[in-house]
């Protein structure tokens, strides 16, 4: 691949961009090694992030919390420092050694997760979750940026799908390991530690899933920093506001992605409340739901990752340059009716079946959604744009959404037993709107990818 200036007739806003290549793509073995370590990193990120959803009912009882207070732990506590650190630090992703940045983040969030296990009050646990969010704030932008510089565009969906095996493993293991550990501790008893005393089962789980991440932070340092590839803007440094100006200039491409993400993320808190929903609605214990849901999630999402990658590559071979975006739309169309039906199911197995449709389609479309963003974003602002994208997902989806669900249950339906109606209401309001808005970005994305392939075909 060689440097190519923009073609005559390109939009004026694109005149300050060019294709750039700081050397060829690294050897495939280096790329796949990096992906495997990043998959492990993502596993621990999702494990430490998601484990509290399984434990929230025990925490709520031990600290005598309302659903609104529980929602604060599930959401805002995690994203407070994400909001303050994720976007500012993303500039270093575009300029500095990304593997070192990821390693530091892993160390911080792993220690913070373990410290959550020593919390003796709502405030202590709230502060611990803040630090988990602080550590994880830089992981996503740096990881996706690294992978995008290891692989050309046509191989990027497969690489991201492989990395997102960590998301599947982390999300599933947070249910499976957490549920299994709760059952073991309930059976054999909690440990009695010096200076700390007898730990509650949920405290043991936090410590057990947090500490191993310290070893993963050291392993991350074995990944080589790849040379940067792709379109770059003709400026030595691009700050946050210049990056936002670029997004505004190309609103037809990026606007539907970000607005659709915001609307869809407002529904995301319902997943975090799933364990509480199954306990209140069907009488399932956290351990029963954790093990069952964890196994189902791992199996279906792994199948989804494989099937989604195959479908995208088949569509690309047929000349469909918009294949990743196309798959995202198809999967959301399939998932929508199942999501609305889930809280209405008369028994837990039918509800799990509906959830399974969402797990499968999320596994299929998740890598493509992330690949879409990397493909159309200039390398020089990839970290910042990805950070903004993940900022919206975490602040709205992991921060605001669980709180909204809790507040709707407390103040609209007024009874904890009516959690199912809160979930249904948010599904009906936000999911169709998110699909409709995202659909508007399909044609602009297709046109942009066609343009990029004309000026910069990206071959290994």
Protein backbone atom coordinates (compact mmCIF):
# COMPACT_ATOMS: atom_id res chain seq x y z
CA UNK A 1 0.00 0.00 0.00
CA UNK A 2 1.37 3.45 -0.90
CA UNK A 3 0.46 6.98 0.09
CA UNK A 4 -2.32 8.25 -2.11
CA UNK A 5 -3.83 11.72 -2.04
CA UNK A 6 -7.57 12.15 -2.21
CA UNK A 7 -9.12 11.72 -5.63
CA UNK A 8 -10.21 14.65 -7.73
CA UNK A 9 -13.83 15.37 -7.01
CA UNK A 10 -13.76 14.14 -3.41
CA UNK A 11 -15.73 16.24 -0.93
CA UNK A 12 -13.84 19.38 0.18
CA UNK A 13 -13.89 18.24 3.81
CA UNK A 14 -11.78 15.25 2.81
CA UNK A 15 -9.04 17.31 1.14
CA UNK A 16 -6.97 17.40 4.31
CA UNK A 17 -6.77 13.60 4.49
CA UNK A 18 -4.46 11.15 2.78
CA UNK A 19 -3.70 7.47 2.89
CA UNK A 20 -0.60 6.76 4.93
CA UNK A 21 1.49 3.67 5.48
CA UNK A 22 4.31 3.59 8.02
CA UNK A 23 5.61 0.27 6.76
CA UNK A 24 3.68 -2.88 5.83
CA UNK A 25 1.25 -4.60 8.14
CA UNK A 26 3.03 -6.70 10.80
CA UNK A 27 3.35 -10.47 10.23
CA UNK A 28 0.10 -12.35 10.73
CA UNK A 29 1.48 -14.28 13.71
CA UNK A 30 2.17 -11.01 15.56
CA UNK A 31 -1.30 -9.76 14.77
CA UNK A 32 -3.05 -12.89 16.00
CA UNK A 33 -0.87 -13.00 19.13
CA UNK A 34 -1.90 -9.41 19.90
CA UNK A 35 -5.56 -10.30 19.30
CA UNK A 36 -5.33 -13.29 21.65
CA UNK A 37 -3.86 -11.20 24.47
CA UNK A 38 -6.41 -8.45 23.90
CA UNK A 39 -9.16 -11.09 24.00
CA UNK A 40 -7.85 -12.18 27.41
CA UNK A 41 -7.73 -8.55 28.49
CA UNK A 42 -11.32 -8.03 27.36
CA UNK A 43 -12.35 -11.17 29.25
CA UNK A 44 -11.13 -9.71 32.54
CA UNK A 45 -12.57 -6.29 31.75
CA UNK A 46 -16.06 -7.71 31.18
CA UNK A 47 -15.71 -10.10 34.10
CA UNK A 48 -14.79 -7.33 36.55
CA UNK A 49 -17.36 -4.97 35.06
CA UNK A 50 -20.29 -7.37 34.90
CA UNK A 51 -19.93 -9.42 38.07
CA UNK A 52 -21.83 -6.87 40.17
CA UNK A 53 -25.04 -7.55 38.21
CA UNK A 54 -25.12 -11.07 39.59
CA UNK A 55 -24.28 -9.95 43.12
CA UNK A 56 -26.56 -6.92 43.38
CA UNK A 57 -29.44 -8.67 45.18
CA UNK A 58 -27.12 -9.86 47.99
CA UNK A 59 -25.47 -6.43 48.21
CA UNK A 60 -28.90 -4.76 48.28
CA UNK A 61 -29.98 -6.95 51.20
CA UNK A 62 -26.72 -6.58 53.17
CA UNK A 63 -26.63 -2.78 52.86
CA UNK A 64 -30.46 -2.31 52.90
CA UNK A 65 -30.55 -0.43 49.59
CA UNK A 66 -33.43 0.76 47.45
CA UNK A 67 -33.54 -0.11 43.74
CA UNK A 68 -32.42 3.44 42.98
CA UNK A 69 -29.34 3.05 45.20
CA UNK A 70 -28.65 -0.34 43.64
CA UNK A 71 -28.93 1.33 40.25
CA UNK A 72 -26.28 3.84 41.33
CA UNK A 73 -23.87 0.97 42.05
CA UNK A 74 -24.69 -0.80 38.80
CA UNK A 75 -24.30 2.31 36.67
CA UNK A 76 -23.09 5.79 37.69
CA UNK A 77 -20.45 4.48 40.12
CA UNK A 78 -18.74 2.69 37.25
CA UNK A 79 -18.87 5.51 34.71
CA UNK A 80 -18.04 8.61 36.79
CA UNK A 81 -14.30 8.42 36.17
CA UNK A 82 -14.89 6.95 32.73
CA UNK A 83 -16.44 10.31 31.87
CA UNK A 84 -13.52 12.28 33.31
CA UNK A 85 -10.66 10.06 32.11
CA UNK A 86 -11.74 8.14 29.00
CA UNK A 87 -11.95 11.06 26.59
CA UNK A 88 -8.88 13.02 27.80
CA UNK A 89 -6.68 9.93 27.88
CA UNK A 90 -7.80 8.88 24.41
CA UNK A 91 -5.45 11.50 22.92
CA UNK A 92 -2.54 9.43 24.20
CA UNK A 93 -3.95 6.42 22.31
CA UNK A 94 -3.48 8.38 19.07
CA UNK A 95 0.07 9.45 19.96
CA UNK A 96 1.69 7.06 22.45
CA UNK A 97 2.49 3.39 23.09
CA UNK A 98 -0.91 1.74 23.36
CA UNK A 99 0.22 -1.57 24.85
CA UNK A 100 1.67 0.20 27.91
CA UNK A 101 -1.54 2.21 28.29
CA UNK A 102 -3.66 -0.96 28.28
CA UNK A 103 -1.33 -2.68 30.78
CA UNK A 104 -1.65 0.18 33.27
CA UNK A 105 -5.42 0.18 32.91
CA UNK A 106 -5.67 -3.57 33.59
CA UNK A 107 -3.61 -3.21 36.76
CA UNK A 108 -5.77 -0.37 38.10
CA UNK A 109 -9.16 -1.99 37.48
CA UNK A 110 -8.04 -5.40 38.78
CA UNK A 111 -6.84 -4.00 42.12
CA UNK A 112 -9.99 -1.88 42.37
CA UNK A 113 -12.23 -4.92 41.82
CA UNK A 114 -10.44 -6.82 44.58
CA UNK A 115 -10.85 -3.83 46.91
CA UNK A 116 -14.62 -3.92 46.27
CA UNK A 117 -14.52 -7.23 48.12
CA UNK A 118 -13.40 -5.41 51.27
CA UNK A 119 -16.19 -2.83 51.15
CA UNK A 120 -18.14 -2.52 54.39
CA UNK A 121 -20.70 0.09 53.28
CA UNK A 122 -22.49 1.50 50.26
CA UNK A 123 -20.00 4.39 50.06
CA UNK A 124 -16.95 2.09 50.14
CA UNK A 125 -18.37 -0.06 47.35
CA UNK A 126 -19.38 3.02 45.35
CA UNK A 127 -15.81 4.35 45.50
CA UNK A 128 -14.41 0.97 44.51
CA UNK A 129 -16.63 0.82 41.43
CA UNK A 130 -15.49 4.33 40.50
CA UNK A 131 -11.89 3.08 40.36
CA UNK A 132 -12.90 0.05 38.27
CA UNK A 133 -14.38 2.46 35.74
CA UNK A 134 -11.26 4.62 35.85
CA UNK A 135 -9.04 1.67 34.96
CA UNK A 136 -11.28 0.40 32.18
CA UNK A 137 -11.83 3.81 30.59
CA UNK A 138 -8.84 3.52 28.23
CA UNK A 139 -8.99 -0.20 27.41
CA UNK A 140 -11.51 -0.11 24.57
CA UNK A 141 -10.07 2.83 22.57
CA UNK A 142 -6.53 1.46 22.80
CA UNK A 143 -7.47 -2.16 22.03
CA UNK A 144 -9.51 -1.37 18.92
CA UNK A 145 -6.85 1.03 17.70
CA UNK A 146 -4.17 -1.65 18.06
CA UNK A 147 -6.17 -4.27 16.17
CA UNK A 148 -7.04 -1.81 13.37
CA UNK A 149 -3.30 -1.26 12.77
CA UNK A 150 -2.49 -4.98 12.68
CA UNK A 151 -5.01 -5.92 9.95
CA UNK A 152 -6.26 -4.46 6.62
CA UNK A 153 -9.93 -3.53 6.27
CA UNK A 154 -11.12 -6.78 4.72
CA UNK A 155 -9.63 -8.83 7.59
CA UNK A 156 -10.64 -6.46 10.37
CA UNK A 157 -14.10 -7.97 11.10
CA UNK A 158 -12.53 -11.40 11.71
CA UNK A 159 -9.82 -9.93 13.94
CA UNK A 160 -12.32 -7.95 16.01
CA UNK A 161 -14.61 -10.99 16.23
CA UNK A 162 -11.70 -13.00 17.62
CA UNK A 163 -10.87 -10.28 20.13
CA UNK A 164 -14.50 -10.16 21.19
CA UNK A 165 -14.34 -13.78 22.24
CA UNK A 166 -13.09 -12.05 25.38
CA UNK A 167 -16.35 -10.13 25.64
CA UNK A 168 -18.29 -13.37 25.38
CA UNK A 169 -16.06 -15.12 27.88
CA UNK A 170 -16.07 -12.19 30.30
CA UNK A 171 -19.81 -11.66 30.20
CA UNK A 172 -20.54 -15.38 30.46
CA UNK A 173 -17.91 -16.06 33.12
CA UNK A 174 -19.22 -13.22 35.28
CA UNK A 175 -22.44 -15.26 35.47
CA UNK A 176 -20.89 -18.73 35.50
CA UNK A 177 -17.99 -18.17 37.90
CA UNK A 178 -19.99 -15.84 40.12
CA UNK A 179 -22.92 -18.24 40.34
CA UNK A 180 -20.65 -21.21 40.99
CA UNK A 181 -18.66 -19.41 43.67
CA UNK A 182 -21.79 -18.23 45.46
CA UNK A 183 -23.02 -21.83 45.57
CA UNK A 184 -19.65 -23.11 46.89
CA UNK A 185 -19.37 -20.42 49.56
CA UNK A 186 -22.96 -20.97 50.64
CA UNK A 187 -22.21 -24.68 50.97
CA UNK A 188 -18.79 -24.64 52.71
CA UNK A 189 -18.97 -21.25 54.43
CA UNK A 190 -17.21 -17.91 54.01
CA UNK A 191 -13.51 -17.46 54.87
CA UNK A 192 -12.47 -15.64 58.05
CA UNK A 193 -9.56 -13.28 57.24
CA UNK A 194 -7.27 -11.55 59.78
CA UNK A 195 -8.18 -7.87 60.38
CA UNK A 196 -11.18 -8.26 58.06
CA UNK A 197 -13.31 -10.95 59.64
CA UNK A 198 -15.81 -13.23 57.94
CA UNK A 199 -16.43 -12.20 54.35
CA UNK A 200 -19.84 -12.24 52.73
CA UNK A 201 -20.14 -14.48 49.63
CA UNK A 202 -20.29 -11.50 47.26
CA UNK A 203 -17.10 -10.07 48.80
CA UNK A 204 -15.21 -13.30 48.13
CA UNK A 205 -16.33 -13.22 44.49
CA UNK A 206 -15.00 -9.68 43.98
CA UNK A 207 -11.58 -10.59 45.40
CA UNK A 208 -11.36 -13.85 43.43
CA UNK A 209 -12.11 -12.26 40.04
CA UNK A 210 -10.01 -9.12 40.62
CA UNK A 211 -6.57 -10.31 41.66
CA UNK A 212 -5.72 -12.54 38.63
CA UNK A 213 -5.95 -9.46 36.41
CA UNK A 214 -2.63 -8.23 37.78
CA UNK A 215 -0.90 -11.10 35.94
CA UNK A 216 -2.76 -10.20 32.74
CA UNK A 217 -1.46 -6.63 32.98
CA UNK A 218 2.11 -7.98 32.88
CA UNK A 219 1.31 -10.29 29.95
CA UNK A 220 0.01 -7.31 27.95
CA UNK A 221 3.53 -5.86 27.88
CA UNK A 222 4.63 -8.72 25.59
CA UNK A 223 2.45 -7.33 22.75
CA UNK A 224 4.39 -5.25 20.20
CA UNK A 225 3.17 -1.78 19.29
CA UNK A 226 2.14 -1.90 15.57
CA UNK A 227 2.90 0.83 13.00
CA UNK A 228 -0.06 3.06 12.25
CA UNK A 229 -2.02 2.66 9.00
CA UNK A 230 -4.95 4.16 7.13
CA UNK A 231 -6.17 7.68 6.41
CA UNK A 232 -4.56 10.48 8.40
CA UNK A 233 -5.38 14.16 8.65
CA UNK A 234 -2.62 16.57 7.59
CA UNK A 235 -1.96 17.90 11.09
CA UNK A 236 0.88 16.90 13.44
CA UNK A 237 -1.56 16.59 16.34
CA UNK A 238 -5.34 16.45 16.34
CA UNK A 239 -7.07 17.50 19.54
CA UNK A 240 -10.49 16.52 20.79
CA UNK A 241 -12.33 19.50 19.31
CA UNK A 242 -10.74 18.97 15.90
CA UNK A 243 -11.86 15.36 16.09
CA UNK A 244 -15.39 16.46 16.98
CA UNK A 245 -15.35 18.92 14.07
CA UNK A 246 -14.47 16.03 11.77
CA UNK A 247 -17.44 14.05 13.06
CA UNK A 248 -19.70 17.05 12.54
CA UNK A 249 -18.47 17.52 8.97
CA UNK A 250 -19.22 13.84 8.31
CA UNK A 251 -22.44 13.74 10.33
CA UNK A 252 -24.31 11.67 7.73
CA UNK A 253 -21.84 8.83 8.39
CA UNK A 254 -21.20 9.14 12.11
CA UNK A 255 -24.43 10.75 13.36
CA UNK A 256 -26.68 7.69 12.96
CA UNK A 257 -24.03 5.50 14.62
CA UNK A 258 -23.75 7.70 17.70
CA UNK A 259 -27.43 8.61 18.04
CA UNK A 260 -28.50 5.00 17.44
CA UNK A 261 -25.97 3.88 20.06
CA UNK A 262 -27.34 6.40 22.57
CA UNK A 263 -30.93 5.22 22.11
CA UNK A 264 -29.98 1.54 22.23
CA UNK A 265 -27.79 2.07 25.29
CA UNK A 266 -30.71 3.52 27.25
CA UNK A 267 -32.13 0.00 27.13
CA UNK A 268 -28.86 -1.67 28.13
CA UNK A 269 -29.50 -1.47 31.86
CA UNK A 270 -32.13 -4.17 31.50
CA UNK A 271 -29.35 -6.70 30.92
CA UNK A 272 -27.64 -5.64 34.12
CA UNK A 273 -30.90 -6.15 36.01
CA UNK A 274 -31.43 -9.62 34.49
CA UNK A 275 -30.41 -11.62 37.57
CA UNK A 276 -32.73 -9.54 39.76
CA UNK A 277 -35.51 -9.92 37.17
CA UNK A 278 -35.27 -13.73 37.19
CA UNK A 279 -35.17 -13.83 40.99
CA UNK A 280 -38.16 -11.54 41.47
CA UNK A 281 -40.27 -12.87 38.60
CA UNK A 282 -39.49 -16.59 38.54
CA UNK A 283 -37.90 -17.24 41.93
CA UNK A 284 -34.49 -18.23 40.55
CA UNK A 285 -31.52 -17.77 42.88
CA UNK A 286 -28.50 -15.76 41.66
CA UNK A 287 -26.42 -18.94 41.43
CA UNK A 288 -29.08 -20.75 39.38
CA UNK A 289 -29.47 -17.85 36.99
CA UNK A 290 -25.72 -17.19 36.83
CA UNK A 291 -24.73 -20.72 35.86
CA UNK A 292 -27.61 -21.23 33.41
CA UNK A 293 -27.31 -17.84 31.74
CA UNK A 294 -23.51 -17.99 31.70
CA UNK A 295 -23.40 -21.31 29.84
CA UNK A 296 -26.08 -20.14 27.40
CA UNK A 297 -24.35 -16.83 26.75
CA UNK A 298 -20.95 -18.37 26.10
CA UNK A 299 -22.33 -20.99 23.72
CA UNK A 300 -24.68 -18.73 21.74
CA UNK A 301 -22.35 -15.76 21.47
CA UNK A 302 -19.44 -17.93 20.34
CA UNK A 303 -21.70 -19.38 17.66
CA UNK A 304 -22.73 -15.83 16.81
CA UNK A 305 -19.14 -14.63 16.49
CA UNK A 306 -18.32 -17.48 14.10
CA UNK A 307 -21.51 -17.16 12.06
CA UNK A 308 -21.30 -13.38 11.88
CA UNK A 309 -17.70 -13.47 10.64
CA UNK A 310 -18.57 -16.04 7.97
CA UNK A 311 -21.57 -14.02 6.79
CA UNK A 312 -19.62 -10.77 6.54
CA UNK A 313 -16.78 -12.41 4.63
CA UNK A 314 -19.24 -14.12 2.28
CA UNK A 315 -20.94 -10.79 1.59
CA UNK A 316 -17.59 -9.10 1.00
CA UNK A 317 -16.65 -11.80 -1.53
CA UNK A 318 -19.89 -11.01 -3.36
CA UNK A 319 -18.78 -7.39 -3.63
CA UNK A 320 -21.02 -5.96 -0.87
CA UNK A 321 -18.68 -3.33 0.52
CA UNK A 322 -21.18 -2.41 3.24
CA UNK A 323 -21.28 -5.98 4.59
CA UNK A 324 -20.49 -5.16 8.27
CA UNK A 325 -23.18 -2.45 8.45
CA UNK A 326 -25.65 -4.64 6.59
CA UNK A 327 -25.21 -7.44 9.13
CA UNK A 328 -25.79 -5.05 12.05
CA UNK A 329 -29.17 -4.01 10.59
CA UNK A 330 -30.22 -7.60 9.87
CA UNK A 331 -29.36 -8.77 13.40
CA UNK A 332 -31.24 -5.93 15.07
CA UNK A 333 -34.33 -6.69 13.01
CA UNK A 334 -34.26 -10.28 14.28
CA UNK A 335 -33.51 -9.37 17.91
CA UNK A 336 -36.21 -6.71 18.34
CA UNK A 337 -39.35 -8.90 18.69
CA UNK A 338 -37.55 -11.37 20.97
CA UNK A 339 -36.42 -8.56 23.28
CA UNK A 340 -39.96 -7.20 23.61
CA UNK A 341 -41.37 -10.68 24.26
CA UNK A 342 -38.80 -11.66 26.92
CA UNK A 343 -40.29 -9.95 30.03
CA UNK A 344 -43.78 -11.20 29.07
CA UNK A 345 -42.87 -14.89 29.14
CA UNK A 346 -44.82 -17.04 31.64
CA UNK A 347 -41.83 -19.17 32.69
CA UNK A 348 -38.06 -18.66 33.02
CA UNK A 349 -37.06 -21.03 30.21
CA UNK A 350 -39.10 -19.18 27.61
CA UNK A 351 -37.63 -15.91 28.89
CA UNK A 352 -34.15 -17.40 28.56
CA UNK A 353 -34.96 -18.51 25.01
CA UNK A 354 -35.88 -14.93 24.10
CA UNK A 355 -32.71 -13.69 25.75
CA UNK A 356 -30.81 -16.30 23.76
CA UNK A 357 -31.93 -14.70 20.49
CA UNK A 358 -30.40 -11.45 21.69
CA UNK A 359 -27.17 -13.21 22.71
CA UNK A 360 -26.85 -14.89 19.32
CA UNK A 361 -27.50 -11.75 17.28
CA UNK A 362 -25.27 -9.65 19.53
CA UNK A 363 -22.46 -12.12 18.96
CA UNK A 364 -23.04 -11.93 15.22
CA UNK A 365 -23.23 -8.14 14.94
CA UNK A 366 -20.95 -6.86 17.72
CA UNK A 367 -17.64 -7.24 15.86
CA UNK A 368 -19.11 -5.73 12.70
CA UNK A 369 -20.40 -2.71 14.59
CA UNK A 370 -16.94 -2.02 15.98
CA UNK A 371 -15.29 -2.71 12.62
CA UNK A 372 -17.62 -0.20 10.93
CA UNK A 373 -16.37 2.59 13.20
CA UNK A 374 -12.69 1.73 12.74
CA UNK A 375 -13.01 1.44 8.96
CA UNK A 376 -14.37 4.96 8.35
CA UNK A 377 -12.35 6.81 11.03
CA UNK A 378 -8.95 8.35 10.15
CA UNK A 379 -6.11 6.76 12.10
CA UNK A 380 -5.07 10.04 13.69
CA UNK A 381 -8.36 10.33 15.62
CA UNK A 382 -9.30 6.65 16.01
CA UNK A 383 -8.58 6.59 19.72
CA UNK A 384 -10.60 9.72 20.44
CA UNK A 385 -13.56 8.76 18.26
CA UNK A 386 -13.64 5.24 19.73
CA UNK A 387 -13.40 6.73 23.22
CA UNK A 388 -16.39 8.96 22.50
CA UNK A 389 -18.32 5.98 21.15
CA UNK A 390 -17.52 3.88 24.21
CA UNK A 391 -18.10 6.89 26.46
CA UNK A 392 -21.70 7.03 25.22
CA UNK A 393 -22.09 3.27 25.60
CA UNK A 394 -20.79 3.21 29.17
CA UNK A 395 -22.12 6.52 30.45
CA UNK A 396 -25.58 5.97 28.99
CA UNK A 397 -25.72 2.16 28.87
CA UNK A 398 -23.79 1.23 32.01
CA UNK A 399 -24.32 4.46 33.92
CA UNK A 400 -27.66 6.06 33.21
CA UNK A 401 -29.65 3.08 31.96
CA UNK A 402 -29.51 0.88 35.10
CA UNK A 403 -30.47 3.92 37.16
CA UNK A 404 -33.40 4.65 34.82
CA UNK A 405 -34.63 1.06 35.19
CA UNK A 406 -34.40 1.26 38.97
CA UNK A 407 -36.14 4.63 39.12
CA UNK A 408 -38.96 3.48 36.81
CA UNK A 409 -39.49 0.45 39.06
CA UNK A 410 -39.49 2.60 42.22
CA UNK A 411 -41.53 5.56 41.02
CA UNK A 412 -43.65 4.48 38.03
CA UNK A 413 -44.64 0.92 38.88
CA UNK A 414 -43.80 1.42 42.61
CA UNK A 415 -43.14 -2.24 43.44
CA UNK A 416 -39.90 -4.30 43.13
CA UNK A 417 -42.05 -7.16 41.81
CA UNK A 418 -42.92 -5.01 38.78
CA UNK A 419 -39.36 -4.94 37.44
CA UNK A 420 -40.58 -6.89 34.38
CA UNK A 421 -42.81 -3.99 33.35
CA UNK A 422 -39.94 -1.51 33.63
CA UNK A 423 -37.87 -3.74 31.34
CA UNK A 424 -40.72 -4.07 28.85
CA UNK A 425 -41.39 -0.32 28.78
CA UNK A 426 -37.77 0.54 28.01
CA UNK A 427 -37.56 -2.18 25.34
CA UNK A 428 -40.61 -0.79 23.56
CA UNK A 429 -39.46 2.83 23.71
CA UNK A 430 -35.78 2.63 22.84
CA UNK A 431 -35.04 -0.43 20.69
CA UNK A 432 -37.24 0.43 17.67
CA UNK A 433 -35.98 4.03 17.76
CA UNK A 434 -32.34 2.87 17.82
CA UNK A 435 -32.91 0.60 14.83
CA UNK A 436 -34.63 3.33 12.79
CA UNK A 437 -31.88 5.89 13.40
CA UNK A 438 -29.06 3.45 12.67
CA UNK A 439 -30.76 2.52 9.40
CA UNK A 440 -30.35 6.15 8.23
CA UNK A 441 -26.56 5.71 8.26
CA UNK A 442 -26.52 2.68 5.97
CA UNK A 443 -26.27 4.46 2.60
CA UNK A 444 -23.72 7.11 3.73
CA UNK A 445 -21.53 4.36 5.16
CA UNK A 446 -21.72 2.37 1.92
CA UNK A 447 -20.71 5.42 -0.12
CA UNK A 448 -17.78 6.22 2.20
CA UNK A 449 -16.38 2.68 2.14
CA UNK A 450 -16.59 2.66 -1.65
CA UNK A 451 -14.62 5.91 -1.74
CA UNK A 452 -11.99 4.58 0.65
CA UNK A 453 -11.56 1.40 -1.35
CA UNK A 454 -10.97 3.48 -4.48
CA UNK A 455 -8.19 5.59 -2.98
CA UNK A 456 -6.72 3.09 -0.50
CA UNK A 457 -7.43 -0.61 -1.20
CA UNK A 458 -5.31 -1.79 1.77
CA UNK A 459 -3.57 -5.02 0.91
CA UNK A 460 -1.14 -6.90 3.13
